[in-house]
Amino acid sequence: GRPFGALREETYAYERVEVIKGGNSTTFGVSDPGGSVNYATKV
């Protein structure tokens, strides 16, 4: 969902944080034209 009011994510649980900007951000689904953020968990 949107970041406002969401729980704070624990950065130690993630391998990386990906920022996808512009139209490519709709790859995962609904998104604003600015972009989206994908948290990649540790594998």
PDB file of all heavy atoms in Angstrom:
ATOM      1  N   GLY A   1       0.813  -1.212   0.000  1.00  0.00           N
ATOM      2  CA  GLY A   1       0.000   0.000   0.000  1.00  0.00           C
ATOM      3  C   GLY A   1       0.841   1.255   0.000  1.00  0.00           C
ATOM      4  O   GLY A   1       2.015   1.253  -0.342  1.00  0.00           O
ATOM      5  N   ARG A   2       0.213   2.352   0.395  1.00  0.00           N
ATOM      6  CA  ARG A   2       0.897   3.639   0.449  1.00  0.00           C
ATOM      7  C   ARG A   2       1.708   3.746   1.739  1.00  0.00           C
ATOM      8  O   ARG A   2       1.384   3.139   2.731  1.00  0.00           O
ATOM      9  CB  ARG A   2      -0.113   4.776   0.386  1.00  0.00           C
ATOM     10  CG  ARG A   2      -0.809   4.877  -0.935  1.00  0.00           C
ATOM     11  CD  ARG A   2      -1.810   6.023  -0.883  1.00  0.00           C
ATOM     12  NE  ARG A   2      -2.491   6.159  -2.147  1.00  0.00           N
ATOM     13  CZ  ARG A   2      -2.101   6.971  -3.117  1.00  0.00           C
ATOM     14  NH1 ARG A   2      -1.033   7.713  -2.968  1.00  0.00           N
ATOM     15  NH2 ARG A   2      -2.775   7.048  -4.237  1.00  0.00           N
ATOM     16  N   PRO A   3       2.756   4.593   1.728  1.00  0.00           N
ATOM     17  CA  PRO A   3       3.603   4.681   2.909  1.00  0.00           C
ATOM     18  C   PRO A   3       2.976   5.434   4.074  1.00  0.00           C
ATOM     19  O   PRO A   3       3.332   5.198   5.214  1.00  0.00           O
ATOM     20  CB  PRO A   3       4.843   5.420   2.400  1.00  0.00           C
ATOM     21  CG  PRO A   3       4.355   6.226   1.261  1.00  0.00           C
ATOM     22  CD  PRO A   3       3.275   5.394   0.625  1.00  0.00           C
ATOM     23  N   PHE A   4       2.052   6.342   3.831  1.00  0.00           N
ATOM     24  CA  PHE A   4       1.530   7.177   4.912  1.00  0.00           C
ATOM     25  C   PHE A   4       0.694   6.342   5.883  1.00  0.00           C
ATOM     26  O   PHE A   4      -0.284   5.727   5.506  1.00  0.00           O
ATOM     27  CB  PHE A   4       0.681   8.317   4.358  1.00  0.00           C
ATOM     28  CG  PHE A   4       0.298   9.310   5.407  1.00  0.00           C
ATOM     29  CD1 PHE A   4       1.204  10.270   5.811  1.00  0.00           C
ATOM     30  CD2 PHE A   4      -0.935   9.260   6.006  1.00  0.00           C
ATOM     31  CE1 PHE A   4       0.868  11.177   6.778  1.00  0.00           C
ATOM     32  CE2 PHE A   4      -1.283  10.162   6.990  1.00  0.00           C
ATOM     33  CZ  PHE A   4      -0.370  11.128   7.375  1.00  0.00           C
ATOM     34  N   GLY A   5       1.100   6.301   7.117  1.00  0.00           N
ATOM     35  CA  GLY A   5       0.377   5.568   8.140  1.00  0.00           C
ATOM     36  C   GLY A   5       0.684   4.087   8.187  1.00  0.00           C
ATOM     37  O   GLY A   5       0.132   3.371   9.010  1.00  0.00           O
ATOM     38  N   ALA A   6       1.564   3.597   7.333  1.00  0.00           N
ATOM     39  CA  ALA A   6       1.924   2.173   7.348  1.00  0.00           C
ATOM     40  C   ALA A   6       2.966   1.927   8.436  1.00  0.00           C
ATOM     41  O   ALA A   6       3.651   2.843   8.882  1.00  0.00           O
ATOM     42  CB  ALA A   6       2.488   1.762   5.986  1.00  0.00           C
ATOM     43  N   LEU A   7       3.077   0.699   8.856  1.00  0.00           N
ATOM     44  CA  LEU A   7       4.083   0.354   9.854  1.00  0.00           C
ATOM     45  C   LEU A   7       5.477   0.583   9.306  1.00  0.00           C
ATOM     46  O   LEU A   7       5.733   0.392   8.113  1.00  0.00           O
ATOM     47  CB  LEU A   7       3.934  -1.106  10.267  1.00  0.00           C
ATOM     48  CG  LEU A   7       2.646  -1.466  10.988  1.00  0.00           C
ATOM     49  CD1 LEU A   7       2.576  -2.960  11.205  1.00  0.00           C
ATOM     50  CD2 LEU A   7       2.539  -0.720  12.300  1.00  0.00           C
ATOM     51  N   ARG A   8       6.374   0.944  10.165  1.00  0.00           N
ATOM     52  CA  ARG A   8       7.762   1.149   9.761  1.00  0.00           C
ATOM     53  C   ARG A   8       8.401  -0.206   9.469  1.00  0.00           C
ATOM     54  O   ARG A   8       8.271  -1.147  10.248  1.00  0.00           O
ATOM     55  CB  ARG A   8       8.504   1.854  10.887  1.00  0.00           C
ATOM     56  CG  ARG A   8       9.968   2.069  10.572  1.00  0.00           C
ATOM     57  CD  ARG A   8      10.551   3.097  11.469  1.00  0.00           C
ATOM     58  NE  ARG A   8      10.653   4.290  10.652  1.00  0.00           N
ATOM     59  CZ  ARG A   8      11.133   5.431  11.068  1.00  0.00           C
ATOM     60  NH1 ARG A   8      11.496   5.575  12.294  1.00  0.00           N
ATOM     61  NH2 ARG A   8      11.218   6.449  10.245  1.00  0.00           N
ATOM     62  N   GLU A   9       9.060  -0.315   8.345  1.00  0.00           N
ATOM     63  CA  GLU A   9       9.691  -1.560   7.926  1.00  0.00           C
ATOM     64  C   GLU A   9      11.065  -1.706   8.585  1.00  0.00           C
ATOM     65  O   GLU A   9      11.778  -0.724   8.769  1.00  0.00           O
ATOM     66  CB  GLU A   9       9.847  -1.594   6.407  1.00  0.00           C
ATOM     67  CG  GLU A   9       8.531  -1.579   5.654  1.00  0.00           C
ATOM     68  CD  GLU A   9       7.724  -2.840   5.845  1.00  0.00           C
ATOM     69  OE1 GLU A   9       8.315  -3.918   5.991  1.00  0.00           O
ATOM     70  OE2 GLU A   9       6.503  -2.740   5.859  1.00  0.00           O
ATOM     71  N   GLU A  10      11.424  -2.927   8.926  1.00  0.00           N
ATOM     72  CA  GLU A  10      12.718  -3.215   9.537  1.00  0.00           C
ATOM     73  C   GLU A  10      13.741  -3.459   8.440  1.00  0.00           C
ATOM     74  O   GLU A  10      13.661  -4.462   7.712  1.00  0.00           O
ATOM     75  CB  GLU A  10      12.602  -4.442  10.440  1.00  0.00           C
ATOM     76  CG  GLU A  10      13.909  -4.890  11.057  1.00  0.00           C
ATOM     77  CD  GLU A  10      14.587  -3.799  11.854  1.00  0.00           C
ATOM     78  OE1 GLU A  10      13.931  -3.197  12.723  1.00  0.00           O
ATOM     79  OE2 GLU A  10      15.778  -3.554  11.599  1.00  0.00           O
ATOM     80  N   THR A  11      14.715  -2.574   8.292  1.00  0.00           N
ATOM     81  CA  THR A  11      15.663  -2.654   7.183  1.00  0.00           C
ATOM     82  C   THR A  11      16.561  -3.879   7.256  1.00  0.00           C
ATOM     83  O   THR A  11      17.043  -4.348   6.225  1.00  0.00           O
ATOM     84  CB  THR A  11      16.543  -1.385   7.132  1.00  0.00           C
ATOM     85  OG1 THR A  11      17.188  -1.204   8.399  1.00  0.00           O
ATOM     86  CG2 THR A  11      15.710  -0.174   6.805  1.00  0.00           C
ATOM     87  N   TYR A  12      16.782  -4.425   8.435  1.00  0.00           N
ATOM     88  CA  TYR A  12      17.653  -5.597   8.561  1.00  0.00           C
ATOM     89  C   TYR A  12      17.040  -6.835   7.902  1.00  0.00           C
ATOM     90  O   TYR A  12      17.744  -7.778   7.566  1.00  0.00           O
ATOM     91  CB  TYR A  12      17.941  -5.867  10.041  1.00  0.00           C
ATOM     92  CG  TYR A  12      19.070  -6.837  10.273  1.00  0.00           C
ATOM     93  CD1 TYR A  12      20.371  -6.515   9.921  1.00  0.00           C
ATOM     94  CD2 TYR A  12      18.833  -8.065  10.844  1.00  0.00           C
ATOM     95  CE1 TYR A  12      21.407  -7.398  10.126  1.00  0.00           C
ATOM     96  CE2 TYR A  12      19.865  -8.962  11.069  1.00  0.00           C
ATOM     97  CZ  TYR A  12      21.153  -8.621  10.708  1.00  0.00           C
ATOM     98  OH  TYR A  12      22.170  -9.504  10.907  1.00  0.00           O
ATOM     99  N   ALA A  13      15.737  -6.833   7.680  1.00  0.00           N
ATOM    100  CA  ALA A  13      15.058  -7.979   7.077  1.00  0.00           C
ATOM    101  C   ALA A  13      15.191  -8.005   5.557  1.00  0.00           C
ATOM    102  O   ALA A  13      14.804  -8.982   4.925  1.00  0.00           O
ATOM    103  CB  ALA A  13      13.576  -7.970   7.446  1.00  0.00           C
ATOM    104  N   TYR A  14      15.736  -6.956   4.979  1.00  0.00           N
ATOM    105  CA  TYR A  14      15.778  -6.848   3.519  1.00  0.00           C
ATOM    106  C   TYR A  14      17.180  -6.947   2.973  1.00  0.00           C
ATOM    107  O   TYR A  14      18.136  -6.455   3.563  1.00  0.00           O
ATOM    108  CB  TYR A  14      15.151  -5.527   3.070  1.00  0.00           C
ATOM    109  CG  TYR A  14      13.712  -5.418   3.497  1.00  0.00           C
ATOM    110  CD1 TYR A  14      13.311  -4.440   4.381  1.00  0.00           C
ATOM    111  CD2 TYR A  14      12.778  -6.327   3.050  1.00  0.00           C
ATOM    112  CE1 TYR A  14      11.994  -4.355   4.790  1.00  0.00           C
ATOM    113  CE2 TYR A  14      11.468  -6.252   3.458  1.00  0.00           C
ATOM    114  CZ  TYR A  14      11.085  -5.266   4.324  1.00  0.00           C
ATOM    115  OH  TYR A  14       9.789  -5.198   4.737  1.00  0.00           O
ATOM    116  N   GLU A  15      17.273  -7.574   1.805  1.00  0.00           N
ATOM    117  CA  GLU A  15      18.538  -7.652   1.090  1.00  0.00           C
ATOM    118  C   GLU A  15      18.808  -6.344   0.360  1.00  0.00           C
ATOM    119  O   GLU A  15      19.935  -5.889   0.273  1.00  0.00           O
ATOM    120  CB  GLU A  15      18.468  -8.814   0.097  1.00  0.00           C
ATOM    121  CG  GLU A  15      19.794  -9.242  -0.434  1.00  0.00           C
ATOM    122  CD  GLU A  15      19.670 -10.565  -1.173  1.00  0.00           C
ATOM    123  OE1 GLU A  15      19.426 -11.587  -0.521  1.00  0.00           O
ATOM    124  OE2 GLU A  15      19.806 -10.546  -2.406  1.00  0.00           O
ATOM    125  N   ARG A  16      17.739  -5.740  -0.167  1.00  0.00           N
ATOM    126  CA  ARG A  16      17.862  -4.466  -0.877  1.00  0.00           C
ATOM    127  C   ARG A  16      16.509  -3.774  -0.937  1.00  0.00           C
ATOM    128  O   ARG A  16      15.471  -4.400  -0.744  1.00  0.00           O
ATOM    129  CB  ARG A  16      18.424  -4.667  -2.280  1.00  0.00           C
ATOM    130  CG  ARG A  16      17.540  -5.465  -3.181  1.00  0.00           C
ATOM    131  CD  ARG A  16      18.198  -5.737  -4.541  1.00  0.00           C
ATOM    132  NE  ARG A  16      17.319  -6.530  -5.363  1.00  0.00           N
ATOM    133  CZ  ARG A  16      17.165  -7.840  -5.278  1.00  0.00           C
ATOM    134  NH1 ARG A  16      17.864  -8.516  -4.393  1.00  0.00           N
ATOM    135  NH2 ARG A  16      16.331  -8.482  -6.052  1.00  0.00           N
ATOM    136  N   VAL A  17      16.539  -2.478  -1.192  1.00  0.00           N
ATOM    137  CA  VAL A  17      15.341  -1.677  -1.390  1.00  0.00           C
ATOM    138  C   VAL A  17      15.433  -1.102  -2.794  1.00  0.00           C
ATOM    139  O   VAL A  17      16.386  -0.397  -3.120  1.00  0.00           O
ATOM    140  CB  VAL A  17      15.239  -0.532  -0.352  1.00  0.00           C
ATOM    141  CG1 VAL A  17      14.010   0.308  -0.604  1.00  0.00           C
ATOM    142  CG2 VAL A  17      15.216  -1.091   1.056  1.00  0.00           C
ATOM    143  N   GLU A  18      14.459  -1.436  -3.644  1.00  0.00           N
ATOM    144  CA  GLU A  18      14.481  -1.031  -5.050  1.00  0.00           C
ATOM    145  C   GLU A  18      13.517   0.129  -5.270  1.00  0.00           C
ATOM    146  O   GLU A  18      12.377   0.084  -4.819  1.00  0.00           O
ATOM    147  CB  GLU A  18      14.056  -2.196  -5.944  1.00  0.00           C
ATOM    148  CG  GLU A  18      14.894  -3.431  -5.743  1.00  0.00           C
ATOM    149  CD  GLU A  18      14.288  -4.673  -6.374  1.00  0.00           C
ATOM    150  OE1 GLU A  18      13.064  -4.716  -6.590  1.00  0.00           O
ATOM    151  OE2 GLU A  18      15.063  -5.598  -6.653  1.00  0.00           O
ATOM    152  N   VAL A  19      13.971   1.158  -5.966  1.00  0.00           N
ATOM    153  CA  VAL A  19      13.123   2.278  -6.339  1.00  0.00           C
ATOM    154  C   VAL A  19      12.889   2.179  -7.840  1.00  0.00           C
ATOM    155  O   VAL A  19      13.833   2.147  -8.628  1.00  0.00           O
ATOM    156  CB  VAL A  19      13.787   3.627  -5.993  1.00  0.00           C
ATOM    157  CG1 VAL A  19      12.936   4.785  -6.493  1.00  0.00           C
ATOM    158  CG2 VAL A  19      14.012   3.733  -4.506  1.00  0.00           C
ATOM    159  N   ILE A  20      11.622   2.091  -8.224  1.00  0.00           N
ATOM    160  CA  ILE A  20      11.253   1.986  -9.638  1.00  0.00           C
ATOM    161  C   ILE A  20      10.508   3.261  -9.983  1.00  0.00           C
ATOM    162  O   ILE A  20       9.478   3.571  -9.382  1.00  0.00           O
ATOM    163  CB  ILE A  20      10.375   0.748  -9.880  1.00  0.00           C
ATOM    164  CG1 ILE A  20      11.100  -0.484  -9.344  1.00  0.00           C
ATOM    165  CG2 ILE A  20      10.055   0.600 -11.360  1.00  0.00           C
ATOM    166  CD1 ILE A  20      10.224  -1.679  -9.154  1.00  0.00           C
ATOM    167  N   LYS A  21      11.043   4.043 -10.927  1.00  0.00           N
ATOM    168  CA  LYS A  21      10.487   5.359 -11.228  1.00  0.00           C
ATOM    169  C   LYS A  21       9.691   5.339 -12.528  1.00  0.00           C
ATOM    170  O   LYS A  21       9.945   4.533 -13.423  1.00  0.00           O
ATOM    171  CB  LYS A  21      11.612   6.388 -11.352  1.00  0.00           C
ATOM    172  CG  LYS A  21      12.423   6.537 -10.099  1.00  0.00           C
ATOM    173  CD  LYS A  21      13.531   7.530 -10.329  1.00  0.00           C
ATOM    174  CE  LYS A  21      14.537   7.469  -9.207  1.00  0.00           C
ATOM    175  NZ  LYS A  21      15.719   8.253  -9.511  1.00  0.00           N
ATOM    176  N   GLY A  22       8.740   6.261 -12.611  1.00  0.00           N
ATOM    177  CA  GLY A  22       7.978   6.474 -13.835  1.00  0.00           C
ATOM    178  C   GLY A  22       7.024   5.344 -14.164  1.00  0.00           C
ATOM    179  O   GLY A  22       6.532   4.636 -13.288  1.00  0.00           O
ATOM    180  N   GLY A  23       6.739   5.191 -15.467  1.00  0.00           N
ATOM    181  CA  GLY A  23       5.786   4.188 -15.946  1.00  0.00           C
ATOM    182  C   GLY A  23       6.168   2.763 -15.603  1.00  0.00           C
ATOM    183  O   GLY A  23       5.308   1.891 -15.475  1.00  0.00           O
ATOM    184  N   ASN A  24       7.449   2.492 -15.451  1.00  0.00           N
ATOM    185  CA  ASN A  24       7.893   1.137 -15.089  1.00  0.00           C
ATOM    186  C   ASN A  24       7.405   0.714 -13.717  1.00  0.00           C
ATOM    187  O   ASN A  24       7.376  -0.468 -13.398  1.00  0.00           O
ATOM    188  CB  ASN A  24       9.421   1.040 -15.113  1.00  0.00           C
ATOM    189  CG  ASN A  24       9.964   1.108 -16.513  1.00  0.00           C
ATOM    190  OD1 ASN A  24       9.271   0.780 -17.469  1.00  0.00           O
ATOM    191  ND2 ASN A  24      11.200   1.552 -16.636  1.00  0.00           N
ATOM    192  N   SER A  25       6.998   1.669 -12.898  1.00  0.00           N
ATOM    193  CA  SER A  25       6.568   1.342 -11.539  1.00  0.00           C
ATOM    194  C   SER A  25       5.239   0.587 -11.520  1.00  0.00           C
ATOM    195  O   SER A  25       4.864   0.021 -10.509  1.00  0.00           O
ATOM    196  CB  SER A  25       6.453   2.608 -10.700  1.00  0.00           C
ATOM    197  OG  SER A  25       5.431   3.439 -11.196  1.00  0.00           O
ATOM    198  N   THR A  26       4.531   0.546 -12.633  1.00  0.00           N
ATOM    199  CA  THR A  26       3.264  -0.186 -12.699  1.00  0.00           C
ATOM    200  C   THR A  26       3.484  -1.675 -12.961  1.00  0.00           C
ATOM    201  O   THR A  26       2.526  -2.408 -13.130  1.00  0.00           O
ATOM    202  CB  THR A  26       2.348   0.395 -13.789  1.00  0.00           C
ATOM    203  OG1 THR A  26       3.001   0.289 -15.058  1.00  0.00           O
ATOM    204  CG2 THR A  26       2.000   1.837 -13.496  1.00  0.00           C
ATOM    205  N   THR A  27       4.725  -2.112 -12.984  1.00  0.00           N
ATOM    206  CA  THR A  27       5.047  -3.523 -13.210  1.00  0.00           C
ATOM    207  C   THR A  27       4.338  -4.426 -12.206  1.00  0.00           C
ATOM    208  O   THR A  27       3.839  -5.491 -12.546  1.00  0.00           O
ATOM    209  CB  THR A  27       6.566  -3.750 -13.096  1.00  0.00           C
ATOM    210  OG1 THR A  27       7.215  -2.921 -14.045  1.00  0.00           O
ATOM    211  CG2 THR A  27       6.923  -5.190 -13.350  1.00  0.00           C
ATOM    212  N   PHE A  28       4.282  -4.001 -10.947  1.00  0.00           N
ATOM    213  CA  PHE A  28       3.674  -4.807  -9.897  1.00  0.00           C
ATOM    214  C   PHE A  28       2.171  -4.585  -9.783  1.00  0.00           C
ATOM    215  O   PHE A  28       1.503  -5.302  -9.079  1.00  0.00           O
ATOM    216  CB  PHE A  28       4.318  -4.501  -8.547  1.00  0.00           C
ATOM    217  CG  PHE A  28       5.788  -4.807  -8.508  1.00  0.00           C
ATOM    218  CD1 PHE A  28       6.692  -3.837  -8.139  1.00  0.00           C
ATOM    219  CD2 PHE A  28       6.268  -6.062  -8.831  1.00  0.00           C
ATOM    220  CE1 PHE A  28       8.042  -4.119  -8.088  1.00  0.00           C
ATOM    221  CE2 PHE A  28       7.619  -6.349  -8.782  1.00  0.00           C
ATOM    222  CZ  PHE A  28       8.510  -5.375  -8.409  1.00  0.00           C
ATOM    223  N   GLY A  29       1.643  -3.555 -10.406  1.00  0.00           N
ATOM    224  CA  GLY A  29       0.213  -3.264 -10.304  1.00  0.00           C
ATOM    225  C   GLY A  29      -0.038  -1.782 -10.169  1.00  0.00           C
ATOM    226  O   GLY A  29       0.649  -0.970 -10.762  1.00  0.00           O
ATOM    227  N   VAL A  30      -1.012  -1.421  -9.344  1.00  0.00           N
ATOM    228  CA  VAL A  30      -1.408  -0.033  -9.166  1.00  0.00           C
ATOM    229  C   VAL A  30      -0.244   0.778  -8.612  1.00  0.00           C
ATOM    230  O   VAL A  30       0.428   0.365  -7.684  1.00  0.00           O
ATOM    231  CB  VAL A  30      -2.609   0.062  -8.193  1.00  0.00           C
ATOM    232  CG1 VAL A  30      -2.979   1.497  -7.929  1.00  0.00           C
ATOM    233  CG2 VAL A  30      -3.782  -0.709  -8.749  1.00  0.00           C
ATOM    234  N   SER A  31      -0.015   1.951  -9.209  1.00  0.00           N
ATOM    235  CA  SER A  31       1.048   2.821  -8.743  1.00  0.00           C
ATOM    236  C   SER A  31       0.817   4.216  -9.287  1.00  0.00           C
ATOM    237  O   SER A  31       0.152   4.392 -10.301  1.00  0.00           O
ATOM    238  CB  SER A  31       2.402   2.294  -9.205  1.00  0.00           C
ATOM    239  OG  SER A  31       3.439   3.099  -8.707  1.00  0.00           O
ATOM    240  N   ASP A  32       1.338   5.202  -8.581  1.00  0.00           N
ATOM    241  CA  ASP A  32       1.300   6.565  -9.089  1.00  0.00           C
ATOM    242  C   ASP A  32       2.383   6.730 -10.140  1.00  0.00           C
ATOM    243  O   ASP A  32       3.349   5.964 -10.174  1.00  0.00           O
ATOM    244  CB  ASP A  32       1.528   7.555  -7.943  1.00  0.00           C
ATOM    245  CG  ASP A  32       0.285   7.726  -7.075  1.00  0.00           C
ATOM    246  OD1 ASP A  32      -0.822   7.654  -7.633  1.00  0.00           O
ATOM    247  OD2 ASP A  32       0.430   7.922  -5.860  1.00  0.00           O
ATOM    248  N   PRO A  33       2.272   7.762 -10.988  1.00  0.00           N
ATOM    249  CA  PRO A  33       3.279   7.935 -12.046  1.00  0.00           C
ATOM    250  C   PRO A  33       4.677   8.260 -11.538  1.00  0.00           C
ATOM    251  O   PRO A  33       5.641   8.131 -12.270  1.00  0.00           O
ATOM    252  CB  PRO A  33       2.729   9.090 -12.880  1.00  0.00           C
ATOM    253  CG  PRO A  33       1.602   9.667 -12.138  1.00  0.00           C
ATOM    254  CD  PRO A  33       1.187   8.720 -11.081  1.00  0.00           C
ATOM    255  N   GLY A  34       4.785   8.688 -10.293  1.00  0.00           N
ATOM    256  CA  GLY A  34       6.103   9.012  -9.747  1.00  0.00           C
ATOM    257  C   GLY A  34       6.989   7.790  -9.603  1.00  0.00           C
ATOM    258  O   GLY A  34       8.160   7.814  -9.923  1.00  0.00           O
ATOM    259  N   GLY A  35       6.427   6.704  -9.095  1.00  0.00           N
ATOM    260  CA  GLY A  35       7.204   5.493  -8.924  1.00  0.00           C
ATOM    261  C   GLY A  35       6.722   4.675  -7.746  1.00  0.00           C
ATOM    262  O   GLY A  35       5.728   4.995  -7.102  1.00  0.00           O
ATOM    263  N   SER A  36       7.452   3.608  -7.469  1.00  0.00           N
ATOM    264  CA  SER A  36       7.116   2.726  -6.353  1.00  0.00           C
ATOM    265  C   SER A  36       8.403   2.190  -5.736  1.00  0.00           C
ATOM    266  O   SER A  36       9.478   2.305  -6.305  1.00  0.00           O
ATOM    267  CB  SER A  36       6.214   1.586  -6.814  1.00  0.00           C
ATOM    268  OG  SER A  36       6.864   0.812  -7.796  1.00  0.00           O
ATOM    269  N   VAL A  37       8.262   1.590  -4.565  1.00  0.00           N
ATOM    270  CA  VAL A  37       9.399   1.033  -3.841  1.00  0.00           C
ATOM    271  C   VAL A  37       9.117  -0.437  -3.577  1.00  0.00           C
ATOM    272  O   VAL A  37       8.038  -0.798  -3.120  1.00  0.00           O
ATOM    273  CB  VAL A  37       9.614   1.783  -2.503  1.00  0.00           C
ATOM    274  CG1 VAL A  37      10.714   1.137  -1.689  1.00  0.00           C
ATOM    275  CG2 VAL A  37       9.935   3.239  -2.763  1.00  0.00           C
ATOM    276  N   ASN A  38      10.086  -1.283  -3.888  1.00  0.00           N
ATOM    277  CA  ASN A  38       9.962  -2.722  -3.649  1.00  0.00           C
ATOM    278  C   ASN A  38      11.029  -3.146  -2.651  1.00  0.00           C
ATOM    279  O   ASN A  38      12.212  -2.890  -2.840  1.00  0.00           O
ATOM    280  CB  ASN A  38      10.130  -3.507  -4.955  1.00  0.00           C
ATOM    281  CG  ASN A  38       9.932  -4.979  -4.758  1.00  0.00           C
ATOM    282  OD1 ASN A  38       8.991  -5.420  -4.111  1.00  0.00           O
ATOM    283  ND2 ASN A  38      10.841  -5.773  -5.311  1.00  0.00           N
ATOM    284  N   TYR A  39      10.590  -3.794  -1.562  1.00  0.00           N
ATOM    285  CA  TYR A  39      11.513  -4.331  -0.571  1.00  0.00           C
ATOM    286  C   TYR A  39      11.799  -5.779  -0.937  1.00  0.00           C
ATOM    287  O   TYR A  39      10.891  -6.597  -0.996  1.00  0.00           O
ATOM    288  CB  TYR A  39      10.906  -4.289   0.830  1.00  0.00           C
ATOM    289  CG  TYR A  39      10.471  -2.922   1.277  1.00  0.00           C
ATOM    290  CD1 TYR A  39       9.134  -2.645   1.503  1.00  0.00           C
ATOM    291  CD2 TYR A  39      11.391  -1.913   1.487  1.00  0.00           C
ATOM    292  CE1 TYR A  39       8.724  -1.390   1.925  1.00  0.00           C
ATOM    293  CE2 TYR A  39      10.987  -0.654   1.908  1.00  0.00           C
ATOM    294  CZ  TYR A  39       9.661  -0.405   2.130  1.00  0.00           C
ATOM    295  OH  TYR A  39       9.267   0.828   2.551  1.00  0.00           O
ATOM    296  N   ALA A  40      13.055  -6.096  -1.197  1.00  0.00           N
ATOM    297  CA  ALA A  40      13.444  -7.464  -1.530  1.00  0.00           C
ATOM    298  C   ALA A  40      13.970  -8.137  -0.261  1.00  0.00           C
ATOM    299  O   ALA A  40      15.008  -7.748   0.278  1.00  0.00           O
ATOM    300  CB  ALA A  40      14.504  -7.472  -2.613  1.00  0.00           C
ATOM    301  N   THR A  41      13.231  -9.144   0.232  1.00  0.00           N
ATOM    302  CA  THR A  41      13.635  -9.818   1.465  1.00  0.00           C
ATOM    303  C   THR A  41      14.872 -10.665   1.236  1.00  0.00           C
ATOM    304  O   THR A  41      15.197 -11.035   0.108  1.00  0.00           O
ATOM    305  CB  THR A  41      12.497 -10.709   2.006  1.00  0.00           C
ATOM    306  OG1 THR A  41      12.121 -11.633   1.001  1.00  0.00           O
ATOM    307  CG2 THR A  41      11.305  -9.890   2.417  1.00  0.00           C
ATOM    308  N   LYS A  42      15.547 -10.982   2.319  1.00  0.00           N
ATOM    309  CA  LYS A  42      16.747 -11.810   2.232  1.00  0.00           C
ATOM    310  C   LYS A  42      16.365 -13.203   1.742  1.00  0.00           C
ATOM    311  O   LYS A  42      15.314 -13.720   2.090  1.00  0.00           O
ATOM    312  CB  LYS A  42      17.416 -11.922   3.597  1.00  0.00           C
ATOM    313  CG  LYS A  42      18.032 -10.628   4.072  1.00  0.00           C
ATOM    314  CD  LYS A  42      18.695 -10.803   5.424  1.00  0.00           C
ATOM    315  CE  LYS A  42      19.332  -9.518   5.869  1.00  0.00           C
ATOM    316  NZ  LYS A  42      19.950  -9.642   7.192  1.00  0.00           N
ATOM    317  N   VAL A  43      17.221 -13.775   0.931  1.00  0.00           N
ATOM    318  CA  VAL A  43      16.981 -15.122   0.419  1.00  0.00           C
ATOM    319  C   VAL A  43      18.042 -16.062   0.999  1.00  0.00           C
ATOM    320  O   VAL A  43      19.145 -15.630   1.350  1.00  0.00           O
ATOM    321  CB  VAL A  43      17.030 -15.163  -1.126  1.00  0.00           C
ATOM    322  CG1 VAL A  43      15.906 -14.337  -1.710  1.00  0.00           C
ATOM    323  CG2 VAL A  43      18.352 -14.664  -1.648  1.00  0.00           C
TER     324      VAL A  43
END
